[in-house]
Each structure stands twice: as C-alpha cells, then as structure tokens.
Amino acid sequence: RMSLGDRNFRAVDFSIDAIQMLPKIIFQPTM
C-alpha cells in the first residue's frame, strides 16, 4: 500500500487496484 503526504498535508493512503508489466520497448537507432 502507498501513503503520500508531507509536513503540510495529512498522508493519503492508496490501495493498489491493478498492476501490469508494460511491453518492452523496441528500440531503434534514432527515436
């Protein structure tokens, strides 16, 4: 789970609904 906040803001708690691995990039000499 992820919690984001700082000294000025109360931490916001996030749950992860979905996660996926993105496909590999097919690199070319110039992109």
All heavy atoms as atom14 arrays in JSON, in Angstrom:
{
  "sequence": "RMSLGDRNFRAVDFSIDAIQMLPKIIFQPTM",
  "atom14_mask": [
    [1, 1, 1, 1, 1, 1, 1, 1, 1, 1, 1, 0, 0, 0],
    [1, 1, 1, 1, 1, 1, 1, 1, 0, 0, 0, 0, 0, 0],
    [1, 1, 1, 1, 1, 1, 0, 0, 0, 0, 0, 0, 0, 0],
    [1, 1, 1, 1, 1, 1, 1, 1, 0, 0, 0, 0, 0, 0],
    [1, 1, 1, 1, 0, 0, 0, 0, 0, 0, 0, 0, 0, 0],
    [1, 1, 1, 1, 1, 1, 1, 1, 0, 0, 0, 0, 0, 0],
    [1, 1, 1, 1, 1, 1, 1, 1, 1, 1, 1, 0, 0, 0],
    [1, 1, 1, 1, 1, 1, 1, 1, 0, 0, 0, 0, 0, 0],
    [1, 1, 1, 1, 1, 1, 1, 1, 1, 1, 1, 0, 0, 0],
    [1, 1, 1, 1, 1, 1, 1, 1, 1, 1, 1, 0, 0, 0],
    [1, 1, 1, 1, 1, 0, 0, 0, 0, 0, 0, 0, 0, 0],
    [1, 1, 1, 1, 1, 1, 1, 0, 0, 0, 0, 0, 0, 0],
    [1, 1, 1, 1, 1, 1, 1, 1, 0, 0, 0, 0, 0, 0],
    [1, 1, 1, 1, 1, 1, 1, 1, 1, 1, 1, 0, 0, 0],
    [1, 1, 1, 1, 1, 1, 0, 0, 0, 0, 0, 0, 0, 0],
    [1, 1, 1, 1, 1, 1, 1, 1, 0, 0, 0, 0, 0, 0],
    [1, 1, 1, 1, 1, 1, 1, 1, 0, 0, 0, 0, 0, 0],
    [1, 1, 1, 1, 1, 0, 0, 0, 0, 0, 0, 0, 0, 0],
    [1, 1, 1, 1, 1, 1, 1, 1, 0, 0, 0, 0, 0, 0],
    [1, 1, 1, 1, 1, 1, 1, 1, 1, 0, 0, 0, 0, 0],
    [1, 1, 1, 1, 1, 1, 1, 1, 0, 0, 0, 0, 0, 0],
    [1, 1, 1, 1, 1, 1, 1, 1, 0, 0, 0, 0, 0, 0],
    [1, 1, 1, 1, 1, 1, 1, 0, 0, 0, 0, 0, 0, 0],
    [1, 1, 1, 1, 1, 1, 1, 1, 1, 0, 0, 0, 0, 0],
    [1, 1, 1, 1, 1, 1, 1, 1, 0, 0, 0, 0, 0, 0],
    [1, 1, 1, 1, 1, 1, 1, 1, 0, 0, 0, 0, 0, 0],
    [1, 1, 1, 1, 1, 1, 1, 1, 1, 1, 1, 0, 0, 0],
    [1, 1, 1, 1, 1, 1, 1, 1, 1, 0, 0, 0, 0, 0],
    [1, 1, 1, 1, 1, 1, 1, 0, 0, 0, 0, 0, 0, 0],
    [1, 1, 1, 1, 1, 1, 1, 0, 0, 0, 0, 0, 0, 0],
    [1, 1, 1, 1, 1, 1, 1, 1, 0, 0, 0, 0, 0, 0]
  ],
  "atom14_positions": [
    [[0.87, -1.18, 0.0], [0.0, 0.0, 0.0], [0.9, 1.23, 0.0], [2.02, 1.18, 0.51], [-0.92, 0.02, 1.23], [-1.93, -1.11, 1.25], [-2.76, -1.07, 2.52], [-3.56, 0.14, 2.61], [-4.79, 0.26, 2.1], [-5.35, -0.76, 1.47], [-5.47, 1.38, 2.23], [0.0, 0.0, 0.0], [0.0, 0.0, 0.0], [0.0, 0.0, 0.0]],
    [[0.41, 2.32, -0.56], [1.22, 3.52, -0.67], [0.58, 4.65, 0.13], [-0.64, 4.85, 0.07], [1.37, 3.95, -2.13], [2.26, 5.18, -2.32], [2.65, 5.52, -4.06], [1.04, 6.0, -4.67], [0.0, 0.0, 0.0], [0.0, 0.0, 0.0], [0.0, 0.0, 0.0], [0.0, 0.0, 0.0], [0.0, 0.0, 0.0], [0.0, 0.0, 0.0]],
    [[1.4, 5.39, 0.86], [0.94, 6.53, 1.64], [1.74, 7.75, 1.22], [2.97, 7.74, 1.28], [1.1, 6.26, 3.13], [0.63, 7.34, 3.9], [0.0, 0.0, 0.0], [0.0, 0.0, 0.0], [0.0, 0.0, 0.0], [0.0, 0.0, 0.0], [0.0, 0.0, 0.0], [0.0, 0.0, 0.0], [0.0, 0.0, 0.0], [0.0, 0.0, 0.0]],
    [[1.04, 8.81, 0.78], [1.7, 10.02, 0.31], [1.26, 11.21, 1.14], [0.06, 11.46, 1.3], [1.38, 10.28, -1.16], [1.84, 9.25, -2.19], [1.46, 9.71, -3.6], [3.32, 9.0, -2.09], [0.0, 0.0, 0.0], [0.0, 0.0, 0.0], [0.0, 0.0, 0.0], [0.0, 0.0, 0.0], [0.0, 0.0, 0.0], [0.0, 0.0, 0.0]],
    [[2.22, 11.93, 1.67], [1.93, 13.11, 2.45], [3.22, 13.81, 2.8], [4.31, 13.33, 2.52], [0.0, 0.0, 0.0], [0.0, 0.0, 0.0], [0.0, 0.0, 0.0], [0.0, 0.0, 0.0], [0.0, 0.0, 0.0], [0.0, 0.0, 0.0], [0.0, 0.0, 0.0], [0.0, 0.0, 0.0], [0.0, 0.0, 0.0], [0.0, 0.0, 0.0]],
    [[3.11, 14.96, 3.41], [4.28, 15.67, 3.91], [3.91, 16.43, 5.17], [2.85, 16.2, 5.76], [4.88, 16.6, 2.84], [3.91, 17.69, 2.39], [2.94, 17.97, 3.13], [4.13, 18.27, 1.31], [0.0, 0.0, 0.0], [0.0, 0.0, 0.0], [0.0, 0.0, 0.0], [0.0, 0.0, 0.0], [0.0, 0.0, 0.0], [0.0, 0.0, 0.0]],
    [[4.78, 17.32, 5.59], [4.58, 18.04, 6.84], [3.32, 18.91, 6.82], [2.72, 19.18, 7.85], [5.81, 18.91, 7.11], [5.87, 19.52, 8.49], [7.21, 20.2, 8.7], [7.31, 20.77, 10.03], [8.4, 21.38, 10.49], [9.46, 21.48, 9.72], [8.43, 21.87, 11.71], [0.0, 0.0, 0.0], [0.0, 0.0, 0.0], [0.0, 0.0, 0.0]],
    [[2.92, 19.32, 5.61], [1.79, 20.24, 5.48], [0.46, 19.56, 5.18], [-0.59, 20.18, 5.28], [2.09, 21.27, 4.39], [3.34, 22.08, 4.69], [3.52, 22.56, 5.8], [4.21, 22.22, 3.71], [0.0, 0.0, 0.0], [0.0, 0.0, 0.0], [0.0, 0.0, 0.0], [0.0, 0.0, 0.0], [0.0, 0.0, 0.0], [0.0, 0.0, 0.0]],
    [[0.51, 18.28, 4.78], [-0.71, 17.58, 4.39], [-0.79, 16.22, 5.08], [0.2, 15.51, 5.2], [-0.76, 17.37, 2.87], [-0.95, 18.64, 2.08], [0.15, 19.36, 1.64], [-2.22, 19.12, 1.81], [-0.02, 20.51, 0.92], [-2.39, 20.29, 1.09], [-1.29, 20.99, 0.64], [0.0, 0.0, 0.0], [0.0, 0.0, 0.0], [0.0, 0.0, 0.0]],
    [[-1.99, 15.89, 5.51], [-2.21, 14.57, 6.09], [-1.94, 13.51, 5.02], [-2.28, 13.68, 3.85], [-3.65, 14.46, 6.58], [-4.0, 13.1, 7.18], [-5.46, 13.01, 7.53], [-5.84, 14.03, 8.5], [-7.09, 14.23, 8.91], [-8.08, 13.5, 8.41], [-7.35, 15.17, 9.8], [0.0, 0.0, 0.0], [0.0, 0.0, 0.0], [0.0, 0.0, 0.0]],
    [[-1.32, 12.41, 5.42], [-0.98, 11.35, 4.47], [-2.24, 10.77, 3.83], [-3.26, 10.57, 4.49], [-0.19, 10.25, 5.16], [0.0, 0.0, 0.0], [0.0, 0.0, 0.0], [0.0, 0.0, 0.0], [0.0, 0.0, 0.0], [0.0, 0.0, 0.0], [0.0, 0.0, 0.0], [0.0, 0.0, 0.0], [0.0, 0.0, 0.0], [0.0, 0.0, 0.0]],
    [[-2.16, 10.55, 2.51], [-3.24, 9.92, 1.76], [-2.86, 8.46, 1.54], [-1.79, 8.17, 1.0], [-3.47, 10.62, 0.41], [-4.59, 9.93, -0.36], [-3.8, 12.09, 0.63], [0.0, 0.0, 0.0], [0.0, 0.0, 0.0], [0.0, 0.0, 0.0], [0.0, 0.0, 0.0], [0.0, 0.0, 0.0], [0.0, 0.0, 0.0], [0.0, 0.0, 0.0]],
    [[-3.72, 7.54, 1.96], [-3.45, 6.11, 1.82], [-4.05, 5.58, 0.53], [-5.24, 5.78, 0.26], [-4.01, 5.33, 3.01], [-3.3, 5.67, 4.32], [-2.07, 5.88, 4.27], [-3.98, 5.75, 5.36], [0.0, 0.0, 0.0], [0.0, 0.0, 0.0], [0.0, 0.0, 0.0], [0.0, 0.0, 0.0], [0.0, 0.0, 0.0], [0.0, 0.0, 0.0]],
    [[-3.23, 4.9, -0.26], [-3.66, 4.33, -1.53], [-3.57, 2.81, -1.47], [-2.61, 2.25, -0.92], [-2.76, 4.81, -2.68], [-2.92, 6.25, -3.04], [-2.15, 7.22, -2.41], [-3.83, 6.66, -4.0], [-2.28, 8.56, -2.74], [-3.97, 7.99, -4.33], [-3.2, 8.95, -3.71], [0.0, 0.0, 0.0], [0.0, 0.0, 0.0], [0.0, 0.0, 0.0]],
    [[-4.57, 2.16, -2.04], [-4.51, 0.72, -2.26], [-4.26, 0.48, -3.74], [-4.68, 1.28, -4.59], [-5.81, 0.04, -1.82], [-6.91, 0.55, -2.56], [0.0, 0.0, 0.0], [0.0, 0.0, 0.0], [0.0, 0.0, 0.0], [0.0, 0.0, 0.0], [0.0, 0.0, 0.0], [0.0, 0.0, 0.0], [0.0, 0.0, 0.0], [0.0, 0.0, 0.0]],
    [[-3.6, -0.61, -4.06], [-3.29, -0.92, -5.45], [-4.4, -1.79, -6.02], [-4.6, -2.93, -5.6], [-1.92, -1.62, -5.56], [-0.83, -0.67, -5.05], [-1.64, -2.04, -7.0], [0.56, -1.26, -5.08], [0.0, 0.0, 0.0], [0.0, 0.0, 0.0], [0.0, 0.0, 0.0], [0.0, 0.0, 0.0], [0.0, 0.0, 0.0], [0.0, 0.0, 0.0]],
    [[-5.13, -1.25, -6.98], [-6.25, -1.97, -7.59], [-5.79, -2.91, -8.69], [-6.35, -3.99, -8.87], [-7.27, -0.98, -8.17], [-7.88, -0.08, -7.11], [-7.96, -0.52, -5.94], [-8.26, 1.06, -7.43], [0.0, 0.0, 0.0], [0.0, 0.0, 0.0], [0.0, 0.0, 0.0], [0.0, 0.0, 0.0], [0.0, 0.0, 0.0], [0.0, 0.0, 0.0]],
    [[-4.79, -2.49, -9.46], [-4.31, -3.32, -10.56], [-2.87, -2.95, -10.86], [-2.43, -1.82, -10.62], [-5.18, -3.11, -11.8], [0.0, 0.0, 0.0], [0.0, 0.0, 0.0], [0.0, 0.0, 0.0], [0.0, 0.0, 0.0], [0.0, 0.0, 0.0], [0.0, 0.0, 0.0], [0.0, 0.0, 0.0], [0.0, 0.0, 0.0], [0.0, 0.0, 0.0]],
    [[-2.12, -3.92, -11.39], [-0.74, -3.7, -11.76], [-0.44, -4.56, -12.98], [-0.89, -5.7, -13.08], [0.21, -4.05, -10.59], [1.67, -3.81, -10.97], [0.01, -5.47, -10.11], [2.62, -3.94, -9.79], [0.0, 0.0, 0.0], [0.0, 0.0, 0.0], [0.0, 0.0, 0.0], [0.0, 0.0, 0.0], [0.0, 0.0, 0.0], [0.0, 0.0, 0.0]],
    [[0.27, -3.98, -13.91], [0.63, -4.74, -15.1], [2.03, -4.38, -15.56], [2.49, -3.25, -15.35], [-0.36, -4.5, -16.23], [-0.4, -3.07, -16.74], [-1.28, -2.91, -17.96], [-1.39, -3.82, -18.78], [-1.93, -1.76, -18.09], [0.0, 0.0, 0.0], [0.0, 0.0, 0.0], [0.0, 0.0, 0.0], [0.0, 0.0, 0.0], [0.0, 0.0, 0.0]],
    [[2.72, -5.36, -16.15], [4.02, -5.11, -16.73], [3.81, -4.63, -18.17], [3.15, -5.3, -18.95], [4.89, -6.36, -16.71], [6.31, -6.05, -17.13], [7.48, -7.45, -17.2], [6.79, -8.64, -16.1], [0.0, 0.0, 0.0], [0.0, 0.0, 0.0], [0.0, 0.0, 0.0], [0.0, 0.0, 0.0], [0.0, 0.0, 0.0], [0.0, 0.0, 0.0]],
    [[4.36, -3.49, -18.49], [4.22, -2.94, -19.83], [5.19, -3.65, -20.78], [6.25, -4.12, -20.37], [4.49, -1.44, -19.81], [3.54, -0.62, -18.93], [3.95, 0.85, -18.95], [2.1, -0.78, -19.38], [0.0, 0.0, 0.0], [0.0, 0.0, 0.0], [0.0, 0.0, 0.0], [0.0, 0.0, 0.0], [0.0, 0.0, 0.0], [0.0, 0.0, 0.0]],
    [[4.83, -3.74, -22.06], [5.7, -4.44, -23.01], [7.04, -3.75, -23.18], [7.16, -2.53, -22.97], [4.89, -4.4, -24.31], [3.94, -3.25, -24.15], [3.61, -3.21, -22.69], [0.0, 0.0, 0.0], [0.0, 0.0, 0.0], [0.0, 0.0, 0.0], [0.0, 0.0, 0.0], [0.0, 0.0, 0.0], [0.0, 0.0, 0.0], [0.0, 0.0, 0.0]],
    [[8.03, -4.53, -23.54], [9.36, -3.97, -23.78], [9.32, -3.02, -24.96], [8.58, -3.23, -25.92], [10.37, -5.09, -24.05], [10.69, -5.95, -22.85], [11.76, -6.97, -23.2], [12.14, -7.81, -22.0], [13.18, -8.82, -22.34], [0.0, 0.0, 0.0], [0.0, 0.0, 0.0], [0.0, 0.0, 0.0], [0.0, 0.0, 0.0], [0.0, 0.0, 0.0]],
    [[10.12, -1.98, -24.88], [10.23, -1.03, -25.97], [11.15, -1.62, -27.05], [12.21, -2.15, -26.74], [10.78, 0.32, -25.48], [9.83, 0.94, -24.47], [11.01, 1.27, -26.66], [10.36, 2.2, -23.82], [0.0, 0.0, 0.0], [0.0, 0.0, 0.0], [0.0, 0.0, 0.0], [0.0, 0.0, 0.0], [0.0, 0.0, 0.0], [0.0, 0.0, 0.0]],
    [[10.72, -1.56, -28.29], [11.57, -1.99, -29.41], [12.39, -0.78, -29.86], [11.9, 0.1, -30.58], [10.72, -2.53, -30.57], [9.77, -3.62, -30.08], [11.63, -3.07, -31.67], [10.47, -4.8, -29.42], [0.0, 0.0, 0.0], [0.0, 0.0, 0.0], [0.0, 0.0, 0.0], [0.0, 0.0, 0.0], [0.0, 0.0, 0.0], [0.0, 0.0, 0.0]],
    [[13.62, -0.73, -29.39], [14.45, 0.43, -29.66], [14.97, 0.43, -31.1], [15.23, -0.62, -31.68], [15.63, 0.49, -28.69], [15.24, 0.87, -27.29], [15.09, -0.09, -26.31], [15.02, 2.2, -26.96], [14.73, 0.26, -25.02], [14.65, 2.56, -25.68], [14.51, 1.58, -24.7], [0.0, 0.0, 0.0], [0.0, 0.0, 0.0], [0.0, 0.0, 0.0]],
    [[15.11, 1.63, -31.64], [15.7, 1.86, -32.95], [16.89, 2.8, -32.78], [17.0, 3.49, -31.75], [14.67, 2.46, -33.9], [13.42, 1.63, -34.09], [13.7, 0.28, -34.72], [14.61, 0.16, -35.55], [12.94, -0.74, -34.34], [0.0, 0.0, 0.0], [0.0, 0.0, 0.0], [0.0, 0.0, 0.0], [0.0, 0.0, 0.0], [0.0, 0.0, 0.0]],
    [[17.8, 2.83, -33.74], [18.98, 3.71, -33.6], [18.62, 5.17, -33.36], [19.28, 5.86, -32.59], [19.71, 3.53, -34.94], [19.33, 2.16, -35.39], [17.9, 1.99, -34.96], [0.0, 0.0, 0.0], [0.0, 0.0, 0.0], [0.0, 0.0, 0.0], [0.0, 0.0, 0.0], [0.0, 0.0, 0.0], [0.0, 0.0, 0.0], [0.0, 0.0, 0.0]],
    [[17.54, 5.65, -33.97], [17.07, 7.02, -33.75], [15.61, 6.97, -33.31], [14.79, 6.35, -33.98], [17.21, 7.88, -35.0], [18.59, 7.99, -35.36], [16.65, 9.29, -34.76], [0.0, 0.0, 0.0], [0.0, 0.0, 0.0], [0.0, 0.0, 0.0], [0.0, 0.0, 0.0], [0.0, 0.0, 0.0], [0.0, 0.0, 0.0], [0.0, 0.0, 0.0]],
    [[15.31, 7.58, -32.16], [13.94, 7.59, -31.65], [13.63, 8.94, -31.03], [14.55, 9.68, -30.64], [13.76, 6.47, -30.6], [13.89, 5.08, -31.15], [13.58, 3.78, -29.92], [11.81, 4.01, -29.64], [0.0, 0.0, 0.0], [0.0, 0.0, 0.0], [0.0, 0.0, 0.0], [0.0, 0.0, 0.0], [0.0, 0.0, 0.0], [0.0, 0.0, 0.0]]
  ]
}
